[in-house]
Amino acid sequence: MLRKLSLWAASALIAFTSLHFELQESPGDQLIGVWEPSNGRSRIKIDKIGAKYYGRVVWLIEPNDPETNLPKTDKNNPNAALKNVPLKGYRMLKDFVYQTDGTWSEGTIYDPLNGSTYNCIIKMKDKNTLDIRGYIGVQALGRTDVWKRLATAPAKK
């Protein structure tokens, strides 16, 4: 009986400790939220999956293709199998890892306007502003866009 009680207590302690560590936010979690790129034409929701951060399109100012009146798809994707994938819900930021210097790197950003994927680094200027830099090869050969955090989830459109 005492042995069963000890096993139960040890199991409960392990479970509680694991839950405690899972609930603690890492400094990188400040990236989580809904962000709007500078052109205001989309909104990207950034979430954490495992130890990495990902962003997907959750809103488009013009959700339907003007030519077909159907939801916009990834028609510029070089992979023919992906050309009919809807842009809404598309994961455009992938595999970002929080670094000790306060940046998120090792990830990529996809540009549906030209169907290209770029290396990317994310820097937080303040709690509501991101510098998103997409580049090929070296950061000097890239472009930076400023994204703003939205206070609440956007209305569905």
C-alpha atoms as a PDB file:
ATOM      1  CA  MET A   1       0.000   0.000   0.000  1.00  0.00           C
ATOM      2  CA  LEU A   2       2.796   2.407   0.915  1.00  0.00           C
ATOM      3  CA  ARG A   3       4.592   1.554  -2.335  1.00  0.00           C
ATOM      4  CA  LYS A   4       1.464   2.335  -4.410  1.00  0.00           C
ATOM      5  CA  LEU A   5       1.062   5.631  -2.582  1.00  0.00           C
ATOM      6  CA  SER A   6       4.717   6.527  -3.214  1.00  0.00           C
ATOM      7  CA  LEU A   7       4.385   5.689  -6.928  1.00  0.00           C
ATOM      8  CA  TRP A   8       1.225   7.768  -7.157  1.00  0.00           C
ATOM      9  CA  ALA A   9       2.874  10.725  -5.391  1.00  0.00           C
ATOM     10  CA  ALA A  10       5.946  10.521  -7.632  1.00  0.00           C
ATOM     11  CA  SER A  11       3.762  10.379 -10.758  1.00  0.00           C
ATOM     12  CA  ALA A  12       1.712  13.362  -9.593  1.00  0.00           C
ATOM     13  CA  LEU A  13       4.875  15.358  -8.873  1.00  0.00           C
ATOM     14  CA  ILE A  14       6.300  14.610 -12.327  1.00  0.00           C
ATOM     15  CA  ALA A  15       3.019  15.548 -14.023  1.00  0.00           C
ATOM     16  CA  PHE A  16       2.741  18.801 -12.046  1.00  0.00           C
ATOM     17  CA  THR A  17       6.357  19.740 -12.771  1.00  0.00           C
ATOM     18  CA  SER A  18       5.903  19.047 -16.497  1.00  0.00           C
ATOM     19  CA  LEU A  19       2.721  21.117 -16.602  1.00  0.00           C
ATOM     20  CA  HIS A  20       4.430  23.966 -14.750  1.00  0.00           C
ATOM     21  CA  PHE A  21       7.253  24.125 -17.301  1.00  0.00           C
ATOM     22  CA  GLU A  22       4.830  23.892 -20.244  1.00  0.00           C
ATOM     23  CA  LEU A  23       2.794  26.825 -18.921  1.00  0.00           C
ATOM     24  CA  GLN A  24       5.821  29.086 -18.556  1.00  0.00           C
ATOM     25  CA  GLU A  25       6.212  31.316 -21.580  1.00  0.00           C
ATOM     26  CA  SER A  26       9.581  31.615 -23.185  1.00  0.00           C
ATOM     27  CA  PRO A  27      10.797  35.094 -24.196  1.00  0.00           C
ATOM     28  CA  GLY A  28      10.221  34.087 -27.812  1.00  0.00           C
ATOM     29  CA  ASP A  29       6.487  33.734 -27.218  1.00  0.00           C
ATOM     30  CA  GLN A  30       6.070  37.514 -27.422  1.00  0.00           C
ATOM     31  CA  LEU A  31       5.931  36.915 -31.194  1.00  0.00           C
ATOM     32  CA  ILE A  32       2.624  35.039 -30.856  1.00  0.00           C
ATOM     33  CA  GLY A  33      -0.352  37.039 -32.069  1.00  0.00           C
ATOM     34  CA  VAL A  34      -2.028  38.504 -35.148  1.00  0.00           C
ATOM     35  CA  TRP A  35       0.087  40.867 -37.253  1.00  0.00           C
ATOM     36  CA  GLU A  36      -0.624  43.126 -40.213  1.00  0.00           C
ATOM     37  CA  PRO A  37       2.033  43.734 -42.902  1.00  0.00           C
ATOM     38  CA  SER A  38       2.643  47.340 -43.973  1.00  0.00           C
ATOM     39  CA  ASN A  39       0.428  47.082 -47.070  1.00  0.00           C
ATOM     40  CA  GLY A  40      -2.606  46.253 -44.890  1.00  0.00           C
ATOM     41  CA  ARG A  41      -3.820  43.652 -47.396  1.00  0.00           C
ATOM     42  CA  SER A  42      -3.525  40.605 -45.119  1.00  0.00           C
ATOM     43  CA  ARG A  43      -3.225  39.524 -41.512  1.00  0.00           C
ATOM     44  CA  ILE A  44      -0.933  36.795 -40.281  1.00  0.00           C
ATOM     45  CA  LYS A  45      -1.457  34.788 -37.101  1.00  0.00           C
ATOM     46  CA  ILE A  46       1.794  33.592 -35.552  1.00  0.00           C
ATOM     47  CA  ASP A  47       1.675  30.529 -33.310  1.00  0.00           C
ATOM     48  CA  LYS A  48       4.211  28.260 -31.674  1.00  0.00           C
ATOM     49  CA  ILE A  49       4.321  24.580 -32.558  1.00  0.00           C
ATOM     50  CA  GLY A  50       6.851  22.700 -30.464  1.00  0.00           C
ATOM     51  CA  ALA A  51       9.857  25.014 -30.184  1.00  0.00           C
ATOM     52  CA  LYS A  52       9.280  26.789 -33.523  1.00  0.00           C
ATOM     53  CA  TYR A  53       7.085  29.646 -34.685  1.00  0.00           C
ATOM     54  CA  TYR A  54       4.820  29.633 -37.736  1.00  0.00           C
ATOM     55  CA  GLY A  55       2.542  32.198 -39.345  1.00  0.00           C
ATOM     56  CA  ARG A  56      -0.542  31.642 -41.465  1.00  0.00           C
ATOM     57  CA  VAL A  57      -2.846  33.964 -43.360  1.00  0.00           C
ATOM     58  CA  VAL A  58      -6.056  34.518 -41.382  1.00  0.00           C
ATOM     59  CA  TRP A  59      -7.527  37.483 -43.266  1.00  0.00           C
ATOM     60  CA  LEU A  60      -7.299  39.037 -46.723  1.00  0.00           C
ATOM     61  CA  ILE A  61      -8.627  42.464 -47.682  1.00  0.00           C
ATOM     62  CA  GLU A  62      -9.686  40.905 -50.978  1.00  0.00           C
ATOM     63  CA  PRO A  63     -10.359  37.226 -50.187  1.00  0.00           C
ATOM     64  CA  ASN A  64     -11.779  36.338 -53.602  1.00  0.00           C
ATOM     65  CA  ASP A  65     -10.036  36.379 -56.962  1.00  0.00           C
ATOM     66  CA  PRO A  66     -11.627  39.196 -59.012  1.00  0.00           C
ATOM     67  CA  GLU A  67     -11.463  37.060 -62.174  1.00  0.00           C
ATOM     68  CA  THR A  68     -13.220  33.980 -60.785  1.00  0.00           C
ATOM     69  CA  ASN A  69     -14.965  35.328 -57.663  1.00  0.00           C
ATOM     70  CA  LEU A  70     -13.662  32.197 -55.908  1.00  0.00           C
ATOM     71  CA  PRO A  71     -11.337  32.258 -52.886  1.00  0.00           C
ATOM     72  CA  LYS A  72      -7.825  33.342 -53.877  1.00  0.00           C
ATOM     73  CA  THR A  73      -5.378  30.508 -54.388  1.00  0.00           C
ATOM     74  CA  ASP A  74      -1.605  30.261 -54.543  1.00  0.00           C
ATOM     75  CA  LYS A  75      -1.640  30.641 -58.340  1.00  0.00           C
ATOM     76  CA  ASN A  76       1.965  31.922 -58.496  1.00  0.00           C
ATOM     77  CA  ASN A  77       3.429  28.886 -56.722  1.00  0.00           C
ATOM     78  CA  PRO A  78       6.069  27.222 -58.926  1.00  0.00           C
ATOM     79  CA  ASN A  79       4.818  23.820 -57.723  1.00  0.00           C
ATOM     80  CA  ALA A  80       1.806  23.000 -59.917  1.00  0.00           C
ATOM     81  CA  ALA A  81       0.345  20.780 -57.183  1.00  0.00           C
ATOM     82  CA  LEU A  82       0.084  23.817 -54.861  1.00  0.00           C
ATOM     83  CA  LYS A  83      -1.407  26.359 -57.280  1.00  0.00           C
ATOM     84  CA  ASN A  84      -4.972  25.594 -56.148  1.00  0.00           C
ATOM     85  CA  VAL A  85      -4.267  25.797 -52.407  1.00  0.00           C
ATOM     86  CA  PRO A  86      -6.308  28.644 -50.840  1.00  0.00           C
ATOM     87  CA  LEU A  87      -4.246  31.609 -49.615  1.00  0.00           C
ATOM     88  CA  LYS A  88      -6.425  32.012 -46.538  1.00  0.00           C
ATOM     89  CA  GLY A  89      -5.006  29.548 -44.044  1.00  0.00           C
ATOM     90  CA  TYR A  90      -1.721  29.279 -45.957  1.00  0.00           C
ATOM     91  CA  ARG A  91       1.356  28.941 -43.752  1.00  0.00           C
ATOM     92  CA  MET A  92       3.694  31.639 -45.070  1.00  0.00           C
ATOM     93  CA  LEU A  93       6.127  31.838 -42.129  1.00  0.00           C
ATOM     94  CA  LYS A  94       7.849  28.571 -41.259  1.00  0.00           C
ATOM     95  CA  ASP A  95      10.346  27.147 -38.789  1.00  0.00           C
ATOM     96  CA  PHE A  96      11.420  30.248 -36.848  1.00  0.00           C
ATOM     97  CA  VAL A  97      13.556  29.692 -33.752  1.00  0.00           C
ATOM     98  CA  TYR A  98      13.990  32.287 -31.010  1.00  0.00           C
ATOM     99  CA  GLN A  99      17.617  33.307 -30.535  1.00  0.00           C
ATOM    100  CA  THR A 100      19.321  34.673 -27.422  1.00  0.00           C
ATOM    101  CA  ASP A 101      19.916  38.010 -29.200  1.00  0.00           C
ATOM    102  CA  GLY A 102      16.140  38.578 -29.249  1.00  0.00           C
ATOM    103  CA  THR A 103      15.555  37.682 -32.895  1.00  0.00           C
ATOM    104  CA  TRP A 104      13.736  34.815 -34.573  1.00  0.00           C
ATOM    105  CA  SER A 105      15.715  33.189 -37.367  1.00  0.00           C
ATOM    106  CA  GLU A 106      16.353  29.942 -39.248  1.00  0.00           C
ATOM    107  CA  GLY A 107      12.914  30.345 -40.826  1.00  0.00           C
ATOM    108  CA  THR A 108      11.495  31.209 -44.213  1.00  0.00           C
ATOM    109  CA  ILE A 109       8.841  33.542 -45.559  1.00  0.00           C
ATOM    110  CA  TYR A 110       6.769  32.796 -48.640  1.00  0.00           C
ATOM    111  CA  ASP A 111       5.622  35.604 -50.943  1.00  0.00           C
ATOM    112  CA  PRO A 112       2.431  34.554 -52.761  1.00  0.00           C
ATOM    113  CA  LEU A 113       2.700  37.544 -55.124  1.00  0.00           C
ATOM    114  CA  ASN A 114       5.708  36.000 -56.870  1.00  0.00           C
ATOM    115  CA  GLY A 115       5.671  32.402 -55.612  1.00  0.00           C
ATOM    116  CA  SER A 116       9.099  32.693 -53.987  1.00  0.00           C
ATOM    117  CA  THR A 117      10.368  31.562 -50.594  1.00  0.00           C
ATOM    118  CA  TYR A 118      13.070  33.567 -48.843  1.00  0.00           C
ATOM    119  CA  ASN A 119      15.280  33.154 -45.804  1.00  0.00           C
ATOM    120  CA  CYS A 120      13.950  35.437 -43.110  1.00  0.00           C
ATOM    121  CA  ILE A 121      14.839  37.026 -39.805  1.00  0.00           C
ATOM    122  CA  ILE A 122      12.342  38.687 -37.478  1.00  0.00           C
ATOM    123  CA  LYS A 123      13.266  41.483 -35.069  1.00  0.00           C
ATOM    124  CA  MET A 124      10.853  43.008 -32.580  1.00  0.00           C
ATOM    125  CA  LYS A 125      11.255  46.803 -32.495  1.00  0.00           C
ATOM    126  CA  ASP A 126       8.735  47.091 -29.672  1.00  0.00           C
ATOM    127  CA  LYS A 127       5.945  44.848 -28.386  1.00  0.00           C
ATOM    128  CA  ASN A 128       3.662  45.874 -31.272  1.00  0.00           C
ATOM    129  CA  THR A 129       6.131  46.274 -34.164  1.00  0.00           C
ATOM    130  CA  LEU A 130       8.140  43.704 -36.117  1.00  0.00           C
ATOM    131  CA  ASP A 131      10.846  44.119 -38.729  1.00  0.00           C
ATOM    132  CA  ILE A 132      10.448  41.171 -41.110  1.00  0.00           C
ATOM    133  CA  ARG A 133      13.492  40.829 -43.382  1.00  0.00           C
ATOM    134  CA  GLY A 134      13.344  38.419 -46.287  1.00  0.00           C
ATOM    135  CA  TYR A 135      16.568  37.754 -48.135  1.00  0.00           C
ATOM    136  CA  ILE A 136      18.435  35.485 -50.517  1.00  0.00           C
ATOM    137  CA  GLY A 137      21.820  34.292 -49.302  1.00  0.00           C
ATOM    138  CA  VAL A 138      22.908  37.213 -47.130  1.00  0.00           C
ATOM    139  CA  GLN A 139      20.722  39.638 -45.187  1.00  0.00           C
ATOM    140  CA  ALA A 140      22.222  42.624 -47.020  1.00  0.00           C
ATOM    141  CA  LEU A 141      20.479  41.370 -50.175  1.00  0.00           C
ATOM    142  CA  GLY A 142      16.971  41.587 -48.855  1.00  0.00           C
ATOM    143  CA  ARG A 143      13.936  43.683 -48.095  1.00  0.00           C
ATOM    144  CA  THR A 144      12.429  44.620 -44.740  1.00  0.00           C
ATOM    145  CA  ASP A 145       8.727  45.071 -44.096  1.00  0.00           C
ATOM    146  CA  VAL A 146       7.252  46.486 -40.884  1.00  0.00           C
ATOM    147  CA  TRP A 147       4.353  44.562 -39.344  1.00  0.00           C
ATOM    148  CA  LYS A 148       2.026  45.877 -36.642  1.00  0.00           C
ATOM    149  CA  ARG A 149       0.350  43.779 -33.963  1.00  0.00           C
ATOM    150  CA  LEU A 150      -3.439  43.816 -33.945  1.00  0.00           C
ATOM    151  CA  ALA A 151      -5.060  44.187 -30.539  1.00  0.00           C
ATOM    152  CA  THR A 152      -7.831  41.697 -31.275  1.00  0.00           C
ATOM    153  CA  ALA A 153      -8.545  39.018 -33.803  1.00  0.00           C
ATOM    154  CA  PRO A 154      -9.804  40.503 -37.080  1.00  0.00           C
ATOM    155  CA  ALA A 155     -13.378  40.131 -38.223  1.00  0.00           C
ATOM    156  CA  LYS A 156     -13.852  37.364 -40.763  1.00  0.00           C
ATOM    157  CA  LYS A 157     -14.062  38.529 -44.317  1.00  0.00           C
END
